[in-house]
Amino acid sequence: MNYNWDLLLRLLHEVQQSANDSFKPRRYAEDYAAELESAGRPLPNLDSLRAEAADYESRLFEGGFIASRPEKEGGNGENFVLTERGARLLAILDGREPDSVSLRQRLTAQGDSALAPETFDGLVAGRG
């Protein structure tokens, strides 16, 4: 599997902004596709992109990159907060982390296991 890091970045940004709203990965995928199209880039298969976004939501949650938003912070059981690991991934994908380009390349090289907690943590700690 090759991750669509730009779509993942979009989803992580949406997590940050989802305080009182349900997380809607399929809608975010549609918005992402519309942005690609308006930028003159090829439009991906929308159904595949929606499914990919839903899969990413599960991977981010299961990998400890996002967690259910506490009720006192506007949690409704269908929205999330970034964990420390998720904030680190966001910083890498956003280019705010030192050596972000190299880290993104190293994550890509890990293929399907890039978002496995032990793989991700090892890479960002410099052990990967």
N, C-alpha and C. Protein backbone atom coordinates (compact mmCIF):
# COMPACT_ATOMS: atom_id res chain seq x y z
N MET A 1 0.84 -1.18 0.00
CA MET A 1 0.00 0.00 0.00
C MET A 1 0.88 1.25 0.00
N ASN A 2 0.55 2.16 -0.85
CA ASN A 2 1.19 3.47 -0.85
C ASN A 2 0.20 4.46 -0.26
N TYR A 3 0.61 5.14 0.77
CA TYR A 3 -0.28 6.10 1.41
C TYR A 3 -0.40 7.37 0.59
N ASN A 4 -1.59 7.94 0.57
CA ASN A 4 -1.83 9.24 -0.03
C ASN A 4 -1.62 10.25 1.10
N TRP A 5 -0.39 10.70 1.25
CA TRP A 5 -0.03 11.57 2.37
C TRP A 5 -0.82 12.89 2.35
N ASP A 6 -1.15 13.39 1.17
CA ASP A 6 -1.90 14.64 1.09
C ASP A 6 -3.33 14.45 1.61
N LEU A 7 -3.93 13.31 1.31
CA LEU A 7 -5.26 13.02 1.85
C LEU A 7 -5.19 12.83 3.36
N LEU A 8 -4.17 12.14 3.82
CA LEU A 8 -3.98 11.97 5.27
C LEU A 8 -3.79 13.32 5.96
N LEU A 9 -3.04 14.20 5.34
CA LEU A 9 -2.84 15.53 5.89
C LEU A 9 -4.18 16.25 6.01
N ARG A 10 -5.00 16.14 4.98
CA ARG A 10 -6.33 16.76 5.00
C ARG A 10 -7.16 16.22 6.17
N LEU A 11 -7.13 14.91 6.36
CA LEU A 11 -7.91 14.30 7.44
C LEU A 11 -7.41 14.75 8.81
N LEU A 12 -6.10 14.84 8.98
CA LEU A 12 -5.55 15.29 10.27
C LEU A 12 -5.94 16.73 10.55
N HIS A 13 -5.93 17.57 9.53
CA HIS A 13 -6.38 18.95 9.72
C HIS A 13 -7.86 18.99 10.12
N GLU A 14 -8.65 18.13 9.52
CA GLU A 14 -10.08 18.09 9.85
C GLU A 14 -10.29 17.62 11.29
N VAL A 15 -9.45 16.70 11.76
CA VAL A 15 -9.55 16.26 13.16
C VAL A 15 -9.37 17.46 14.07
N GLN A 16 -8.40 18.29 13.76
CA GLN A 16 -8.14 19.48 14.58
C GLN A 16 -9.35 20.41 14.64
N GLN A 17 -10.14 20.42 13.58
CA GLN A 17 -11.23 21.38 13.48
C GLN A 17 -12.60 20.78 13.79
N SER A 18 -12.66 19.55 14.25
CA SER A 18 -13.94 18.85 14.38
C SER A 18 -14.55 18.92 15.78
N ALA A 19 -14.26 19.94 16.53
CA ALA A 19 -14.67 20.00 17.93
C ALA A 19 -16.14 19.67 18.16
N ASN A 20 -17.04 20.31 17.48
CA ASN A 20 -18.46 20.08 17.73
C ASN A 20 -19.16 19.43 16.56
N ASP A 21 -18.41 18.85 15.67
CA ASP A 21 -18.98 18.27 14.47
C ASP A 21 -18.47 16.83 14.32
N SER A 22 -19.27 16.00 13.73
CA SER A 22 -18.85 14.62 13.47
C SER A 22 -17.77 14.60 12.40
N PHE A 23 -16.86 13.65 12.52
CA PHE A 23 -15.78 13.48 11.55
C PHE A 23 -16.37 12.77 10.34
N LYS A 24 -16.17 13.33 9.15
CA LYS A 24 -16.77 12.82 7.92
C LYS A 24 -15.69 12.56 6.86
N PRO A 25 -14.96 11.47 6.98
CA PRO A 25 -13.84 11.25 6.05
C PRO A 25 -14.25 11.19 4.59
N ARG A 26 -15.42 10.65 4.29
CA ARG A 26 -15.84 10.56 2.89
C ARG A 26 -16.09 11.95 2.30
N ARG A 27 -16.69 12.83 3.09
CA ARG A 27 -16.92 14.20 2.61
C ARG A 27 -15.58 14.92 2.42
N TYR A 28 -14.64 14.70 3.34
CA TYR A 28 -13.34 15.34 3.22
C TYR A 28 -12.61 14.84 1.97
N ALA A 29 -12.81 13.57 1.62
CA ALA A 29 -12.22 13.04 0.39
C ALA A 29 -12.81 13.73 -0.82
N GLU A 30 -14.12 13.99 -0.80
CA GLU A 30 -14.76 14.70 -1.90
C GLU A 30 -14.21 16.11 -2.03
N ASP A 31 -14.04 16.78 -0.88
CA ASP A 31 -13.48 18.14 -0.89
C ASP A 31 -12.06 18.13 -1.45
N TYR A 32 -11.29 17.13 -1.04
CA TYR A 32 -9.91 16.99 -1.52
C TYR A 32 -9.89 16.78 -3.04
N ALA A 33 -10.79 15.93 -3.54
CA ALA A 33 -10.86 15.69 -4.98
C ALA A 33 -11.23 16.96 -5.73
N ALA A 34 -12.16 17.74 -5.18
CA ALA A 34 -12.55 19.00 -5.82
C ALA A 34 -11.37 19.96 -5.87
N GLU A 35 -10.56 19.98 -4.81
CA GLU A 35 -9.37 20.84 -4.80
C GLU A 35 -8.37 20.40 -5.87
N LEU A 36 -8.19 19.09 -6.02
CA LEU A 36 -7.30 18.59 -7.05
C LEU A 36 -7.79 19.02 -8.43
N GLU A 37 -9.08 18.85 -8.64
CA GLU A 37 -9.66 19.19 -9.94
C GLU A 37 -9.51 20.68 -10.24
N SER A 38 -9.78 21.53 -9.26
CA SER A 38 -9.68 22.97 -9.48
C SER A 38 -8.23 23.41 -9.69
N ALA A 39 -7.28 22.61 -9.21
CA ALA A 39 -5.87 22.91 -9.42
C ALA A 39 -5.36 22.34 -10.74
N GLY A 40 -6.28 21.70 -11.50
CA GLY A 40 -5.89 21.15 -12.79
C GLY A 40 -5.20 19.80 -12.71
N ARG A 41 -5.25 19.18 -11.55
CA ARG A 41 -4.63 17.86 -11.39
C ARG A 41 -5.66 16.79 -11.72
N PRO A 42 -5.21 15.62 -12.11
CA PRO A 42 -6.16 14.55 -12.48
C PRO A 42 -7.07 14.19 -11.30
N LEU A 43 -8.32 13.99 -11.62
CA LEU A 43 -9.31 13.63 -10.61
C LEU A 43 -9.25 12.12 -10.36
N PRO A 44 -8.98 11.70 -9.13
CA PRO A 44 -8.95 10.27 -8.84
C PRO A 44 -10.37 9.71 -8.84
N ASN A 45 -10.47 8.39 -8.85
CA ASN A 45 -11.76 7.74 -8.74
C ASN A 45 -12.36 8.11 -7.39
N LEU A 46 -13.49 8.79 -7.41
CA LEU A 46 -14.08 9.33 -6.19
C LEU A 46 -14.50 8.24 -5.21
N ASP A 47 -15.08 7.15 -5.71
CA ASP A 47 -15.48 6.07 -4.81
C ASP A 47 -14.27 5.46 -4.11
N SER A 48 -13.19 5.28 -4.84
CA SER A 48 -11.96 4.74 -4.25
C SER A 48 -11.39 5.70 -3.22
N LEU A 49 -11.42 6.99 -3.53
CA LEU A 49 -10.90 8.00 -2.63
C LEU A 49 -11.72 8.05 -1.33
N ARG A 50 -13.04 7.93 -1.45
CA ARG A 50 -13.91 7.91 -0.26
C ARG A 50 -13.58 6.70 0.62
N ALA A 51 -13.43 5.54 -0.02
CA ALA A 51 -13.12 4.31 0.72
C ALA A 51 -11.75 4.42 1.38
N GLU A 52 -10.80 5.02 0.67
CA GLU A 52 -9.45 5.21 1.21
C GLU A 52 -9.50 6.11 2.45
N ALA A 53 -10.28 7.18 2.39
CA ALA A 53 -10.39 8.09 3.53
C ALA A 53 -11.01 7.39 4.74
N ALA A 54 -12.01 6.56 4.51
CA ALA A 54 -12.64 5.81 5.61
C ALA A 54 -11.64 4.82 6.21
N ASP A 55 -10.84 4.19 5.35
CA ASP A 55 -9.80 3.27 5.82
C ASP A 55 -8.75 4.03 6.64
N TYR A 56 -8.37 5.20 6.18
CA TYR A 56 -7.40 6.00 6.92
C TYR A 56 -7.92 6.39 8.30
N GLU A 57 -9.21 6.70 8.39
CA GLU A 57 -9.79 7.02 9.70
C GLU A 57 -9.56 5.85 10.66
N SER A 58 -9.83 4.64 10.22
CA SER A 58 -9.62 3.45 11.06
C SER A 58 -8.15 3.27 11.41
N ARG A 59 -7.27 3.42 10.44
CA ARG A 59 -5.83 3.25 10.69
C ARG A 59 -5.31 4.30 11.67
N LEU A 60 -5.77 5.53 11.52
CA LEU A 60 -5.33 6.59 12.42
C LEU A 60 -5.82 6.33 13.85
N PHE A 61 -7.05 5.85 13.98
CA PHE A 61 -7.61 5.58 15.30
C PHE A 61 -6.91 4.37 15.93
N GLU A 62 -6.82 3.29 15.18
CA GLU A 62 -6.21 2.05 15.70
C GLU A 62 -4.73 2.24 15.98
N GLY A 63 -4.06 3.11 15.23
CA GLY A 63 -2.63 3.35 15.41
C GLY A 63 -2.32 4.37 16.50
N GLY A 64 -3.37 4.92 17.11
CA GLY A 64 -3.14 5.87 18.19
C GLY A 64 -2.74 7.27 17.71
N PHE A 65 -3.09 7.61 16.47
CA PHE A 65 -2.81 8.95 15.95
C PHE A 65 -3.95 9.91 16.30
N ILE A 66 -5.15 9.35 16.44
CA ILE A 66 -6.31 10.12 16.86
C ILE A 66 -7.03 9.33 17.95
N ALA A 67 -7.77 10.04 18.78
CA ALA A 67 -8.54 9.41 19.86
C ALA A 67 -9.89 10.10 19.93
N SER A 68 -10.86 9.43 20.51
CA SER A 68 -12.18 10.03 20.67
C SER A 68 -12.07 11.32 21.46
N ARG A 69 -12.75 12.35 20.98
CA ARG A 69 -12.73 13.64 21.67
C ARG A 69 -13.53 13.52 22.96
N PRO A 70 -12.93 13.95 24.07
CA PRO A 70 -13.67 13.89 25.35
C PRO A 70 -14.94 14.74 25.28
N GLU A 71 -15.97 14.28 25.95
CA GLU A 71 -17.25 14.99 25.94
C GLU A 71 -17.11 16.43 26.40
N LYS A 72 -16.27 16.66 27.42
CA LYS A 72 -16.10 18.03 27.93
C LYS A 72 -15.44 18.96 26.92
N GLU A 73 -14.85 18.38 25.86
CA GLU A 73 -14.24 19.17 24.79
C GLU A 73 -15.09 19.15 23.52
N GLY A 74 -16.37 18.84 23.67
CA GLY A 74 -17.26 18.81 22.52
C GLY A 74 -17.39 17.46 21.87
N GLY A 75 -16.89 16.43 22.54
CA GLY A 75 -16.97 15.09 21.98
C GLY A 75 -18.40 14.61 21.88
N ASN A 76 -18.69 13.93 20.77
CA ASN A 76 -20.02 13.40 20.56
C ASN A 76 -19.99 11.92 20.18
N GLY A 77 -18.83 11.28 20.36
CA GLY A 77 -18.68 9.89 19.99
C GLY A 77 -18.33 9.70 18.52
N GLU A 78 -18.38 10.77 17.75
CA GLU A 78 -18.10 10.68 16.32
C GLU A 78 -17.07 11.72 15.86
N ASN A 79 -16.33 12.26 16.82
CA ASN A 79 -15.27 13.19 16.46
C ASN A 79 -14.03 12.88 17.30
N PHE A 80 -12.91 13.47 16.91
CA PHE A 80 -11.63 13.04 17.45
C PHE A 80 -10.75 14.22 17.85
N VAL A 81 -9.67 13.89 18.54
CA VAL A 81 -8.58 14.81 18.82
C VAL A 81 -7.30 14.14 18.34
N LEU A 82 -6.31 14.95 18.04
CA LEU A 82 -5.00 14.40 17.71
C LEU A 82 -4.31 13.97 19.00
N THR A 83 -3.66 12.85 18.95
CA THR A 83 -2.80 12.43 20.05
C THR A 83 -1.42 13.03 19.80
N GLU A 84 -0.51 12.79 20.70
CA GLU A 84 0.86 13.27 20.48
C GLU A 84 1.43 12.68 19.20
N ARG A 85 1.17 11.40 18.96
CA ARG A 85 1.66 10.74 17.75
C ARG A 85 1.01 11.39 16.51
N GLY A 86 -0.27 11.68 16.58
CA GLY A 86 -0.97 12.31 15.47
C GLY A 86 -0.46 13.71 15.19
N ALA A 87 -0.18 14.45 16.26
CA ALA A 87 0.36 15.80 16.09
C ALA A 87 1.73 15.74 15.42
N ARG A 88 2.49 14.73 15.73
CA ARG A 88 3.83 14.56 15.13
C ARG A 88 3.70 14.23 13.64
N LEU A 89 2.75 13.33 13.31
CA LEU A 89 2.52 12.99 11.91
C LEU A 89 2.05 14.24 11.15
N LEU A 90 1.15 15.00 11.74
CA LEU A 90 0.68 16.23 11.11
C LEU A 90 1.85 17.19 10.85
N ALA A 91 2.71 17.34 11.82
CA ALA A 91 3.86 18.24 11.66
C ALA A 91 4.78 17.77 10.54
N ILE A 92 4.97 16.47 10.42
CA ILE A 92 5.80 15.93 9.34
C ILE A 92 5.15 16.21 7.99
N LEU A 93 3.87 15.88 7.87
CA LEU A 93 3.18 16.04 6.59
C LEU A 93 3.01 17.50 6.21
N ASP A 94 2.92 18.36 7.20
CA ASP A 94 2.78 19.80 6.98
C ASP A 94 4.12 20.47 6.69
N GLY A 95 5.22 19.75 6.88
CA GLY A 95 6.54 20.31 6.65
C GLY A 95 7.05 21.15 7.80
N ARG A 96 6.44 21.03 8.97
CA ARG A 96 6.86 21.82 10.12
C ARG A 96 7.86 21.09 11.01
N GLU A 97 8.09 19.85 10.75
CA GLU A 97 9.02 19.04 11.53
C GLU A 97 10.41 19.16 10.89
N PRO A 98 11.46 19.29 11.69
CA PRO A 98 12.80 19.29 11.09
C PRO A 98 12.99 18.01 10.27
N ASP A 99 13.52 18.15 9.09
CA ASP A 99 13.78 17.01 8.21
C ASP A 99 12.49 16.32 7.74
N SER A 100 11.41 17.10 7.58
CA SER A 100 10.12 16.54 7.17
C SER A 100 10.17 15.77 5.86
N VAL A 101 10.89 16.31 4.89
CA VAL A 101 10.95 15.65 3.58
C VAL A 101 11.57 14.27 3.71
N SER A 102 12.67 14.17 4.42
CA SER A 102 13.32 12.89 4.63
C SER A 102 12.44 11.94 5.43
N LEU A 103 11.78 12.46 6.45
CA LEU A 103 10.90 11.61 7.26
C LEU A 103 9.74 11.08 6.43
N ARG A 104 9.16 11.92 5.58
CA ARG A 104 8.06 11.47 4.72
C ARG A 104 8.55 10.39 3.77
N GLN A 105 9.75 10.56 3.22
CA GLN A 105 10.31 9.55 2.32
C GLN A 105 10.54 8.23 3.06
N ARG A 106 11.04 8.33 4.28
CA ARG A 106 11.27 7.12 5.07
C ARG A 106 9.96 6.43 5.43
N LEU A 107 8.93 7.21 5.71
CA LEU A 107 7.60 6.62 5.97
C LEU A 107 7.09 5.92 4.72
N THR A 108 7.23 6.58 3.58
CA THR A 108 6.78 5.99 2.32
C THR A 108 7.49 4.66 2.06
N ALA A 109 8.76 4.61 2.36
CA ALA A 109 9.55 3.39 2.14
C ALA A 109 9.06 2.23 3.00
N GLN A 110 8.36 2.53 4.08
CA GLN A 110 7.85 1.47 4.97
C GLN A 110 6.60 0.80 4.42
N GLY A 111 6.01 1.37 3.37
CA GLY A 111 4.82 0.79 2.77
C GLY A 111 3.67 0.73 3.76
N ASP A 112 3.00 -0.40 3.77
CA ASP A 112 1.79 -0.58 4.57
C ASP A 112 2.03 -0.41 6.07
N SER A 113 3.23 -0.67 6.53
CA SER A 113 3.49 -0.60 7.97
C SER A 113 3.84 0.80 8.46
N ALA A 114 3.84 1.80 7.58
CA ALA A 114 4.25 3.15 7.96
C ALA A 114 3.45 3.71 9.13
N LEU A 115 2.16 3.38 9.22
CA LEU A 115 1.33 3.90 10.30
C LEU A 115 1.17 2.90 11.46
N ALA A 116 1.94 1.85 11.43
CA ALA A 116 1.98 0.97 12.61
C ALA A 116 2.72 1.73 13.70
N PRO A 117 2.16 1.78 14.91
CA PRO A 117 2.77 2.60 15.96
C PRO A 117 4.26 2.35 16.16
N GLU A 118 4.69 1.09 16.20
CA GLU A 118 6.09 0.81 16.46
C GLU A 118 6.98 1.27 15.29
N THR A 119 6.48 1.14 14.06
CA THR A 119 7.24 1.60 12.89
C THR A 119 7.34 3.12 12.90
N PHE A 120 6.20 3.78 13.05
CA PHE A 120 6.20 5.25 13.05
C PHE A 120 7.07 5.80 14.16
N ASP A 121 6.86 5.32 15.37
CA ASP A 121 7.63 5.81 16.52
C ASP A 121 9.13 5.59 16.33
N GLY A 122 9.51 4.45 15.78
CA GLY A 122 10.92 4.17 15.54
C GLY A 122 11.52 5.11 14.51
N LEU A 123 10.76 5.38 13.44
CA LEU A 123 11.26 6.27 12.40
C LEU A 123 11.43 7.70 12.91
N VAL A 124 10.46 8.20 13.63
CA VAL A 124 10.57 9.59 14.06
C VAL A 124 11.57 9.75 15.20
N ALA A 125 11.90 8.64 15.86
CA ALA A 125 12.93 8.69 16.90
C ALA A 125 14.32 8.47 16.29
N GLY A 126 14.37 8.24 14.96
CA GLY A 126 15.65 8.08 14.29
C GLY A 126 16.19 6.67 14.28
N ARG A 127 15.32 5.71 14.59
CA ARG A 127 15.77 4.31 14.63
C ARG A 127 15.38 3.57 13.36
N GLY A 128 14.64 4.22 12.44
CA GLY A 128 14.15 3.52 11.26
C GLY A 128 15.01 3.66 10.06
